Amino acid sequence: MLSNFSLCIPKGKKILLKGKSETGKSTLFKILLGFEKLSEGSVYYMRKTLNPQVAWQVRKEVAYVSQDTDLGEGSVKDLLEEIRSYRPNRKKIRL
């Protein structure tokens, strides 16, 4: 459960969000990506209040890898090359 949480990430910066289990990290991303709703408070992305259209924009620009993700076998480089092979990702992923 998140309480009194505020986060501002400068454009172009990357962050790693870590903490103890059950502290709200996954919930934060699920809310930002529009998969869960807030019980109270507000979320803003690029100075816009989160709504379904903004959530689609977030999904195009934010990467979220769940801790439960099975990446399969092989090297990380092979995995990234496979992801990059999809046309929408070609310009987004630099190897």
PDB file of N, CA and C in Angstrom:
ATOM      1  N   MET A   1       0.844  -1.182   0.000  1.00  0.00           N
ATOM      2  CA  MET A   1       0.000   0.000   0.000  1.00  0.00           C
ATOM      3  C   MET A   1       0.880   1.233   0.000  1.00  0.00           C
ATOM      4  N   LEU A   2       0.628   2.125  -0.912  1.00  0.00           N
ATOM      5  CA  LEU A   2       1.372   3.378  -0.986  1.00  0.00           C
ATOM      6  C   LEU A   2       0.641   4.446  -0.202  1.00  0.00           C
ATOM      7  N   SER A   3       1.416   5.261   0.491  1.00  0.00           N
ATOM      8  CA  SER A   3       0.832   6.344   1.259  1.00  0.00           C
ATOM      9  C   SER A   3       1.782   7.534   1.204  1.00  0.00           C
ATOM     10  N   ASN A   4       1.245   8.706   0.899  1.00  0.00           N
ATOM     11  CA  ASN A   4       2.053   9.925   0.822  1.00  0.00           C
ATOM     12  C   ASN A   4       3.257   9.728  -0.088  1.00  0.00           C
ATOM     13  N   PHE A   5       3.020   9.201  -1.282  1.00  0.00           N
ATOM     14  CA  PHE A   5       4.086   8.900  -2.225  1.00  0.00           C
ATOM     15  C   PHE A   5       4.103   9.925  -3.334  1.00  0.00           C
ATOM     16  N   SER A   6       5.285  10.412  -3.668  1.00  0.00           N
ATOM     17  CA  SER A   6       5.449  11.348  -4.768  1.00  0.00           C
ATOM     18  C   SER A   6       6.756  11.020  -5.470  1.00  0.00           C
ATOM     19  N   LEU A   7       6.736  11.038  -6.805  1.00  0.00           N
ATOM     20  CA  LEU A   7       7.931  10.715  -7.580  1.00  0.00           C
ATOM     21  C   LEU A   7       7.930  11.536  -8.854  1.00  0.00           C
ATOM     22  N   CYS A   8       9.036  12.178  -9.130  1.00  0.00           N
ATOM     23  CA  CYS A   8       9.200  12.928 -10.369  1.00  0.00           C
ATOM     24  C   CYS A   8      10.502  12.455 -11.006  1.00  0.00           C
ATOM     25  N   ILE A   9      10.410  11.941 -12.224  1.00  0.00           N
ATOM     26  CA  ILE A   9      11.586  11.432 -12.927  1.00  0.00           C
ATOM     27  C   ILE A   9      11.874  12.378 -14.081  1.00  0.00           C
ATOM     28  N   PRO A  10      13.056  12.993 -14.105  1.00  0.00           N
ATOM     29  CA  PRO A  10      13.382  13.894 -15.209  1.00  0.00           C
ATOM     30  C   PRO A  10      13.378  13.160 -16.553  1.00  0.00           C
ATOM     31  N   LYS A  11      12.957  13.855 -17.593  1.00  0.00           N
ATOM     32  CA  LYS A  11      12.890  13.279 -18.932  1.00  0.00           C
ATOM     33  C   LYS A  11      14.248  12.685 -19.315  1.00  0.00           C
ATOM     34  N   GLY A  12      14.201  11.476 -19.854  1.00  0.00           N
ATOM     35  CA  GLY A  12      15.415  10.821 -20.314  1.00  0.00           C
ATOM     36  C   GLY A  12      16.172  10.043 -19.252  1.00  0.00           C
ATOM     37  N   LYS A  13      15.735  10.137 -18.009  1.00  0.00           N
ATOM     38  CA  LYS A  13      16.406   9.429 -16.920  1.00  0.00           C
ATOM     39  C   LYS A  13      15.791   8.056 -16.730  1.00  0.00           C
ATOM     40  N   LYS A  14      16.568   7.144 -16.198  1.00  0.00           N
ATOM     41  CA  LYS A  14      16.097   5.800 -15.878  1.00  0.00           C
ATOM     42  C   LYS A  14      16.213   5.618 -14.381  1.00  0.00           C
ATOM     43  N   ILE A  15      15.279   4.861 -13.824  1.00  0.00           N
ATOM     44  CA  ILE A  15      15.329   4.595 -12.394  1.00  0.00           C
ATOM     45  C   ILE A  15      15.152   3.110 -12.140  1.00  0.00           C
ATOM     46  N   LEU A  16      15.593   2.695 -11.000  1.00  0.00           N
ATOM     47  CA  LEU A  16      15.350   1.346 -10.504  1.00  0.00           C
ATOM     48  C   LEU A  16      14.569   1.519  -9.220  1.00  0.00           C
ATOM     49  N   LEU A  17      13.407   0.928  -9.175  1.00  0.00           N
ATOM     50  CA  LEU A  17      12.559   1.017  -7.996  1.00  0.00           C
ATOM     51  C   LEU A  17      12.689  -0.283  -7.232  1.00  0.00           C
ATOM     52  N   LYS A  18      13.202  -0.208  -6.021  1.00  0.00           N
ATOM     53  CA  LYS A  18      13.365  -1.431  -5.240  1.00  0.00           C
ATOM     54  C   LYS A  18      12.899  -1.194  -3.817  1.00  0.00           C
ATOM     55  N   GLY A  19      12.566  -2.279  -3.156  1.00  0.00           N
ATOM     56  CA  GLY A  19      12.101  -2.200  -1.783  1.00  0.00           C
ATOM     57  C   GLY A  19      11.621  -3.558  -1.332  1.00  0.00           C
ATOM     58  N   LYS A  20      11.211  -3.627  -0.102  1.00  0.00           N
ATOM     59  CA  LYS A  20      10.731  -4.884   0.453  1.00  0.00           C
ATOM     60  C   LYS A  20       9.468  -5.339  -0.257  1.00  0.00           C
ATOM     61  N   SER A  21       9.208  -6.625  -0.158  1.00  0.00           N
ATOM     62  CA  SER A  21       8.013  -7.215  -0.744  1.00  0.00           C
ATOM     63  C   SER A  21       6.759  -6.586  -0.142  1.00  0.00           C
ATOM     64  N   GLU A  22       5.731  -6.449  -0.997  1.00  0.00           N
ATOM     65  CA  GLU A  22       4.424  -5.928  -0.562  1.00  0.00           C
ATOM     66  C   GLU A  22       4.437  -4.455  -0.153  1.00  0.00           C
ATOM     67  N   THR A  23       5.354  -3.658  -0.722  1.00  0.00           N
ATOM     68  CA  THR A  23       5.374  -2.233  -0.384  1.00  0.00           C
ATOM     69  C   THR A  23       4.728  -1.351  -1.445  1.00  0.00           C
ATOM     70  N   GLY A  24       4.292  -1.964  -2.574  1.00  0.00           N
ATOM     71  CA  GLY A  24       3.553  -1.196  -3.569  1.00  0.00           C
ATOM     72  C   GLY A  24       4.280  -0.926  -4.873  1.00  0.00           C
ATOM     73  N   LYS A  25       5.451  -1.494  -5.070  1.00  0.00           N
ATOM     74  CA  LYS A  25       6.205  -1.237  -6.301  1.00  0.00           C
ATOM     75  C   LYS A  25       5.437  -1.698  -7.546  1.00  0.00           C
ATOM     76  N   SER A  26       4.996  -2.940  -7.544  1.00  0.00           N
ATOM     77  CA  SER A  26       4.249  -3.464  -8.690  1.00  0.00           C
ATOM     78  C   SER A  26       2.921  -2.740  -8.850  1.00  0.00           C
ATOM     79  N   THR A  27       2.271  -2.441  -7.750  1.00  0.00           N
ATOM     80  CA  THR A  27       0.993  -1.720  -7.794  1.00  0.00           C
ATOM     81  C   THR A  27       1.177  -0.355  -8.440  1.00  0.00           C
ATOM     82  N   LEU A  28       2.260   0.328  -8.127  1.00  0.00           N
ATOM     83  CA  LEU A  28       2.538   1.634  -8.724  1.00  0.00           C
ATOM     84  C   LEU A  28       2.567   1.529 -10.245  1.00  0.00           C
ATOM     85  N   PHE A  29       3.274   0.546 -10.774  1.00  0.00           N
ATOM     86  CA  PHE A  29       3.351   0.399 -12.222  1.00  0.00           C
ATOM     87  C   PHE A  29       2.023  -0.051 -12.820  1.00  0.00           C
ATOM     88  N   LYS A  30       1.312  -0.912 -12.141  1.00  0.00           N
ATOM     89  CA  LYS A  30       0.001  -1.344 -12.645  1.00  0.00           C
ATOM     90  C   LYS A  30      -0.956  -0.162 -12.736  1.00  0.00           C
ATOM     91  N   ILE A  31      -0.883   0.732 -11.781  1.00  0.00           N
ATOM     92  CA  ILE A  31      -1.716   1.941 -11.814  1.00  0.00           C
ATOM     93  C   ILE A  31      -1.273   2.840 -12.960  1.00  0.00           C
ATOM     94  N   LEU A  32       0.025   3.077 -13.078  1.00  0.00           N
ATOM     95  CA  LEU A  32       0.558   3.946 -14.124  1.00  0.00           C
ATOM     96  C   LEU A  32       0.221   3.416 -15.517  1.00  0.00           C
ATOM     97  N   LEU A  33       0.228   2.101 -15.681  1.00  0.00           N
ATOM     98  CA  LEU A  33      -0.074   1.491 -16.974  1.00  0.00           C
ATOM     99  C   LEU A  33      -1.574   1.312 -17.202  1.00  0.00           C
ATOM    100  N   GLY A  34      -2.395   1.694 -16.216  1.00  0.00           N
ATOM    101  CA  GLY A  34      -3.843   1.646 -16.363  1.00  0.00           C
ATOM    102  C   GLY A  34      -4.463   0.287 -16.094  1.00  0.00           C
ATOM    103  N   PHE A  35      -3.732  -0.615 -15.434  1.00  0.00           N
ATOM    104  CA  PHE A  35      -4.259  -1.945 -15.143  1.00  0.00           C
ATOM    105  C   PHE A  35      -4.952  -2.014 -13.788  1.00  0.00           C
ATOM    106  N   GLU A  36      -4.737  -1.039 -12.946  1.00  0.00           N
ATOM    107  CA  GLU A  36      -5.416  -0.950 -11.651  1.00  0.00           C
ATOM    108  C   GLU A  36      -5.838   0.494 -11.439  1.00  0.00           C
ATOM    109  N   LYS A  37      -6.876   0.683 -10.642  1.00  0.00           N
ATOM    110  CA  LYS A  37      -7.368   2.032 -10.353  1.00  0.00           C
ATOM    111  C   LYS A  37      -6.933   2.461  -8.963  1.00  0.00           C
ATOM    112  N   LEU A  38      -6.794   3.757  -8.808  1.00  0.00           N
ATOM    113  CA  LEU A  38      -6.469   4.332  -7.503  1.00  0.00           C
ATOM    114  C   LEU A  38      -7.683   4.289  -6.588  1.00  0.00           C
ATOM    115  N   SER A  39      -7.436   4.067  -5.322  1.00  0.00           N
ATOM    116  CA  SER A  39      -8.532   4.171  -4.361  1.00  0.00           C
ATOM    117  C   SER A  39      -8.701   5.635  -3.928  1.00  0.00           C
ATOM    118  N   GLU A  40      -7.617   6.381  -4.003  1.00  0.00           N
ATOM    119  CA  GLU A  40      -7.672   7.825  -3.728  1.00  0.00           C
ATOM    120  C   GLU A  40      -6.411   8.473  -4.265  1.00  0.00           C
ATOM    121  N   GLY A  41      -6.416   9.776  -4.371  1.00  0.00           N
ATOM    122  CA  GLY A  41      -5.258  10.503  -4.865  1.00  0.00           C
ATOM    123  C   GLY A  41      -5.265  10.646  -6.371  1.00  0.00           C
ATOM    124  N   SER A  42      -4.157  11.094  -6.922  1.00  0.00           N
ATOM    125  CA  SER A  42      -4.043  11.354  -8.358  1.00  0.00           C
ATOM    126  C   SER A  42      -2.695  10.890  -8.874  1.00  0.00           C
ATOM    127  N   VAL A  43      -2.673  10.540 -10.157  1.00  0.00           N
ATOM    128  CA  VAL A  43      -1.440  10.202 -10.850  1.00  0.00           C
ATOM    129  C   VAL A  43      -1.363  11.081 -12.085  1.00  0.00           C
ATOM    130  N   TYR A  44      -0.198  11.656 -12.310  1.00  0.00           N
ATOM    131  CA  TYR A  44       0.034  12.491 -13.477  1.00  0.00           C
ATOM    132  C   TYR A  44       1.186  11.904 -14.279  1.00  0.00           C
ATOM    133  N   TYR A  45       1.058  11.980 -15.591  1.00  0.00           N
ATOM    134  CA  TYR A  45       2.135  11.571 -16.483  1.00  0.00           C
ATOM    135  C   TYR A  45       2.299  12.668 -17.516  1.00  0.00           C
ATOM    136  N   MET A  46       3.484  13.215 -17.587  1.00  0.00           N
ATOM    137  CA  MET A  46       3.771  14.328 -18.495  1.00  0.00           C
ATOM    138  C   MET A  46       2.779  15.471 -18.265  1.00  0.00           C
ATOM    139  N   ARG A  47       2.516  15.745 -17.000  1.00  0.00           N
ATOM    140  CA  ARG A  47       1.619  16.816 -16.550  1.00  0.00           C
ATOM    141  C   ARG A  47       0.160  16.595 -16.939  1.00  0.00           C
ATOM    142  N   LYS A  48      -0.200  15.369 -17.328  1.00  0.00           N
ATOM    143  CA  LYS A  48      -1.584  15.046 -17.666  1.00  0.00           C
ATOM    144  C   LYS A  48      -2.116  14.074 -16.626  1.00  0.00           C
ATOM    145  N   THR A  49      -3.355  14.295 -16.193  1.00  0.00           N
ATOM    146  CA  THR A  49      -3.992  13.380 -15.256  1.00  0.00           C
ATOM    147  C   THR A  49      -4.170  12.024 -15.937  1.00  0.00           C
ATOM    148  N   LEU A  50      -3.851  10.974 -15.220  1.00  0.00           N
ATOM    149  CA  LEU A  50      -3.953   9.633 -15.769  1.00  0.00           C
ATOM    150  C   LEU A  50      -5.396   9.299 -16.128  1.00  0.00           C
ATOM    151  N   ASN A  51      -5.608   8.886 -17.362  1.00  0.00           N
ATOM    152  CA  ASN A  51      -6.894   8.414 -17.867  1.00  0.00           C
ATOM    153  C   ASN A  51      -6.569   7.328 -18.891  1.00  0.00           C
ATOM    154  N   PRO A  52      -7.548   6.664 -19.481  1.00  0.00           N
ATOM    155  CA  PRO A  52      -7.228   5.582 -20.421  1.00  0.00           C
ATOM    156  C   PRO A  52      -6.324   6.000 -21.587  1.00  0.00           C
ATOM    157  N   GLN A  53      -6.525   7.193 -22.135  1.00  0.00           N
ATOM    158  CA  GLN A  53      -5.686   7.648 -23.243  1.00  0.00           C
ATOM    159  C   GLN A  53      -4.248   7.884 -22.788  1.00  0.00           C
ATOM    160  N   VAL A  54      -4.088   8.468 -21.625  1.00  0.00           N
ATOM    161  CA  VAL A  54      -2.746   8.712 -21.088  1.00  0.00           C
ATOM    162  C   VAL A  54      -2.073   7.384 -20.750  1.00  0.00           C
ATOM    163  N   ALA A  55      -2.842   6.418 -20.244  1.00  0.00           N
ATOM    164  CA  ALA A  55      -2.270   5.099 -19.934  1.00  0.00           C
ATOM    165  C   ALA A  55      -1.707   4.456 -21.199  1.00  0.00           C
ATOM    166  N   TRP A  56      -2.371   4.622 -22.347  1.00  0.00           N
ATOM    167  CA  TRP A  56      -1.834   4.082 -23.601  1.00  0.00           C
ATOM    168  C   TRP A  56      -0.526   4.765 -23.956  1.00  0.00           C
ATOM    169  N   GLN A  57      -0.430   6.050 -23.715  1.00  0.00           N
ATOM    170  CA  GLN A  57       0.823   6.773 -23.966  1.00  0.00           C
ATOM    171  C   GLN A  57       1.916   6.231 -23.062  1.00  0.00           C
ATOM    172  N   VAL A  58       1.594   6.010 -21.792  1.00  0.00           N
ATOM    173  CA  VAL A  58       2.560   5.459 -20.846  1.00  0.00           C
ATOM    174  C   VAL A  58       3.060   4.109 -21.339  1.00  0.00           C
ATOM    175  N   ARG A  59       2.159   3.272 -21.805  1.00  0.00           N
ATOM    176  CA  ARG A  59       2.536   1.922 -22.269  1.00  0.00           C
ATOM    177  C   ARG A  59       3.497   1.962 -23.438  1.00  0.00           C
ATOM    178  N   LYS A  60       3.441   3.023 -24.228  1.00  0.00           N
ATOM    179  CA  LYS A  60       4.354   3.168 -25.363  1.00  0.00           C
ATOM    180  C   LYS A  60       5.732   3.656 -24.923  1.00  0.00           C
ATOM    181  N   GLU A  61       5.815   4.294 -23.765  1.00  0.00           N
ATOM    182  CA  GLU A  61       7.044   4.976 -23.367  1.00  0.00           C
ATOM    183  C   GLU A  61       7.739   4.406 -22.132  1.00  0.00           C
ATOM    184  N   VAL A  62       7.060   3.552 -21.380  1.00  0.00           N
ATOM    185  CA  VAL A  62       7.601   3.054 -20.117  1.00  0.00           C
ATOM    186  C   VAL A  62       7.766   1.544 -20.197  1.00  0.00           C
ATOM    187  N   ALA A  63       8.900   1.072 -19.730  1.00  0.00           N
ATOM    188  CA  ALA A  63       9.136  -0.370 -19.691  1.00  0.00           C
ATOM    189  C   ALA A  63       8.938  -0.862 -18.261  1.00  0.00           C
ATOM    190  N   TYR A  64       8.176  -1.929 -18.134  1.00  0.00           N
ATOM    191  CA  TYR A  64       7.950  -2.557 -16.838  1.00  0.00           C
ATOM    192  C   TYR A  64       8.185  -4.045 -16.991  1.00  0.00           C
ATOM    193  N   VAL A  65       9.105  -4.580 -16.205  1.00  0.00           N
ATOM    194  CA  VAL A  65       9.372  -6.010 -16.212  1.00  0.00           C
ATOM    195  C   VAL A  65       8.997  -6.540 -14.842  1.00  0.00           C
ATOM    196  N   SER A  66       7.987  -7.379 -14.811  1.00  0.00           N
ATOM    197  CA  SER A  66       7.525  -7.959 -13.557  1.00  0.00           C
ATOM    198  C   SER A  66       8.567  -8.890 -12.983  1.00  0.00           C
ATOM    199  N   GLN A  67       8.594  -8.997 -11.678  1.00  0.00           N
ATOM    200  CA  GLN A  67       9.531  -9.905 -11.034  1.00  0.00           C
ATOM    201  C   GLN A  67       9.198 -11.357 -11.336  1.00  0.00           C
ATOM    202  N   ASP A  68       8.005 -11.622 -11.848  1.00  0.00           N
ATOM    203  CA  ASP A  68       7.580 -12.985 -12.166  1.00  0.00           C
ATOM    204  C   ASP A  68       7.825 -13.344 -13.628  1.00  0.00           C
ATOM    205  N   THR A  69       8.413 -12.469 -14.402  1.00  0.00           N
ATOM    206  CA  THR A  69       8.588 -12.700 -15.824  1.00  0.00           C
ATOM    207  C   THR A  69       9.583 -13.824 -16.088  1.00  0.00           C
ATOM    208  N   ASP A  70       9.170 -14.760 -16.952  1.00  0.00           N
ATOM    209  CA  ASP A  70      10.058 -15.836 -17.375  1.00  0.00           C
ATOM    210  C   ASP A  70      10.691 -15.397 -18.688  1.00  0.00           C
ATOM    211  N   LEU A  71      11.972 -15.109 -18.655  1.00  0.00           N
ATOM    212  CA  LEU A  71      12.659 -14.626 -19.845  1.00  0.00           C
ATOM    213  C   LEU A  71      13.153 -15.750 -20.743  1.00  0.00           C
ATOM    214  N   GLY A  72      12.960 -16.981 -20.327  1.00  0.00           N
ATOM    215  CA  GLY A  72      13.401 -18.103 -21.138  1.00  0.00           C
ATOM    216  C   GLY A  72      14.886 -18.345 -20.987  1.00  0.00           C
ATOM    217  N   GLU A  73      15.414 -19.097 -21.934  1.00  0.00           N
ATOM    218  CA  GLU A  73      16.840 -19.417 -21.890  1.00  0.00           C
ATOM    219  C   GLU A  73      17.593 -18.607 -22.926  1.00  0.00           C
ATOM    220  N   GLY A  74      18.886 -18.459 -22.722  1.00  0.00           N
ATOM    221  CA  GLY A  74      19.724 -17.725 -23.662  1.00  0.00           C
ATOM    222  C   GLY A  74      20.286 -16.479 -23.020  1.00  0.00           C
ATOM    223  N   SER A  75      21.060 -15.760 -23.804  1.00  0.00           N
ATOM    224  CA  SER A  75      21.709 -14.559 -23.284  1.00  0.00           C
ATOM    225  C   SER A  75      20.751 -13.371 -23.299  1.00  0.00           C
ATOM    226  N   VAL A  76      21.051 -12.396 -22.484  1.00  0.00           N
ATOM    227  CA  VAL A  76      20.255 -11.165 -22.456  1.00  0.00           C
ATOM    228  C   VAL A  76      20.340 -10.480 -23.817  1.00  0.00           C
ATOM    229  N   LYS A  77      21.531 -10.514 -24.427  1.00  0.00           N
ATOM    230  CA  LYS A  77      21.703  -9.887 -25.742  1.00  0.00           C
ATOM    231  C   LYS A  77      20.772 -10.537 -26.767  1.00  0.00           C
ATOM    232  N   ASP A  78      20.670 -11.876 -26.764  1.00  0.00           N
ATOM    233  CA  ASP A  78      19.772 -12.560 -27.698  1.00  0.00           C
ATOM    234  C   ASP A  78      18.318 -12.148 -27.455  1.00  0.00           C
ATOM    235  N   LEU A  79      17.945 -12.041 -26.197  1.00  0.00           N
ATOM    236  CA  LEU A  79      16.581 -11.630 -25.857  1.00  0.00           C
ATOM    237  C   LEU A  79      16.304 -10.220 -26.377  1.00  0.00           C
ATOM    238  N   LEU A  80      17.237  -9.296 -26.140  1.00  0.00           N
ATOM    239  CA  LEU A  80      17.049  -7.916 -26.601  1.00  0.00           C
ATOM    240  C   LEU A  80      17.010  -7.841 -28.121  1.00  0.00           C
ATOM    241  N   GLU A  81      17.830  -8.642 -28.792  1.00  0.00           N
ATOM    242  CA  GLU A  81      17.802  -8.655 -30.255  1.00  0.00           C
ATOM    243  C   GLU A  81      16.456  -9.162 -30.772  1.00  0.00           C
ATOM    244  N   GLU A  82      15.889 -10.155 -30.094  1.00  0.00           N
ATOM    245  CA  GLU A  82      14.573 -10.652 -30.496  1.00  0.00           C
ATOM    246  C   GLU A  82      13.515  -9.570 -30.309  1.00  0.00           C
ATOM    247  N   ILE A  83      13.533  -8.898 -29.160  1.00  0.00           N
ATOM    248  CA  ILE A  83      12.570  -7.825 -28.902  1.00  0.00           C
ATOM    249  C   ILE A  83      12.738  -6.714 -29.924  1.00  0.00           C
ATOM    250  N   ARG A  84      13.975  -6.369 -30.233  1.00  0.00           N
ATOM    251  CA  ARG A  84      14.270  -5.295 -31.185  1.00  0.00           C
ATOM    252  C   ARG A  84      13.832  -5.663 -32.603  1.00  0.00           C
ATOM    253  N   SER A  85      13.728  -6.945 -32.910  1.00  0.00           N
ATOM    254  CA  SER A  85      13.369  -7.369 -34.259  1.00  0.00           C
ATOM    255  C   SER A  85      11.936  -6.976 -34.636  1.00  0.00           C
ATOM    256  N   TYR A  86      11.087  -6.697 -33.658  1.00  0.00           N
ATOM    257  CA  TYR A  86       9.727  -6.256 -33.955  1.00  0.00           C
ATOM    258  C   TYR A  86       9.761  -4.801 -34.398  1.00  0.00           C
ATOM    259  N   ARG A  87       9.140  -4.527 -35.513  1.00  0.00           N
ATOM    260  CA  ARG A  87       9.212  -3.208 -36.139  1.00  0.00           C
ATOM    261  C   ARG A  87       9.000  -2.032 -35.187  1.00  0.00           C
ATOM    262  N   PRO A  88       7.972  -2.040 -34.306  1.00  0.00           N
ATOM    263  CA  PRO A  88       7.778  -0.867 -33.434  1.00  0.00           C
ATOM    264  C   PRO A  88       8.940  -0.624 -32.475  1.00  0.00           C
ATOM    265  N   ASN A  89       9.762  -1.638 -32.233  1.00  0.00           N
ATOM    266  CA  ASN A  89      10.838  -1.509 -31.249  1.00  0.00           C
ATOM    267  C   ASN A  89      12.189  -1.160 -31.854  1.00  0.00           C
ATOM    268  N   ARG A  90      12.323  -1.179 -33.161  1.00  0.00           N
ATOM    269  CA  ARG A  90      13.635  -1.015 -33.801  1.00  0.00           C
ATOM    270  C   ARG A  90      14.355   0.256 -33.399  1.00  0.00           C
ATOM    271  N   LYS A  91      13.646   1.363 -33.327  1.00  0.00           N
ATOM    272  CA  LYS A  91      14.286   2.635 -33.001  1.00  0.00           C
ATOM    273  C   LYS A  91      14.364   2.890 -31.505  1.00  0.00           C
ATOM    274  N   LYS A  92      13.657   2.071 -30.715  1.00  0.00           N
ATOM    275  CA  LYS A  92      13.585   2.303 -29.280  1.00  0.00           C
ATOM    276  C   LYS A  92      14.684   1.625 -28.500  1.00  0.00           C
ATOM    277  N   ILE A  93      15.198   0.519 -29.007  1.00  0.00           N
ATOM    278  CA  ILE A  93      16.179  -0.254 -28.258  1.00  0.00           C
ATOM    279  C   ILE A  93      17.522  -0.162 -28.950  1.00  0.00           C
ATOM    280  N   ARG A  94      18.492   0.386 -28.238  1.00  0.00           N
ATOM    281  CA  ARG A  94      19.853   0.488 -28.761  1.00  0.00           C
ATOM    282  C   ARG A  94      20.697  -0.593 -28.126  1.00  0.00           C
ATOM    283  N   LEU A  95      21.364  -1.365 -28.917  1.00  0.00           N
ATOM    284  CA  LEU A  95      22.242  -2.418 -28.395  1.00  0.00           C
ATOM    285  C   LEU A  95      23.680  -1.985 -28.425  1.00  0.00           C
TER     286      LEU A  95
END
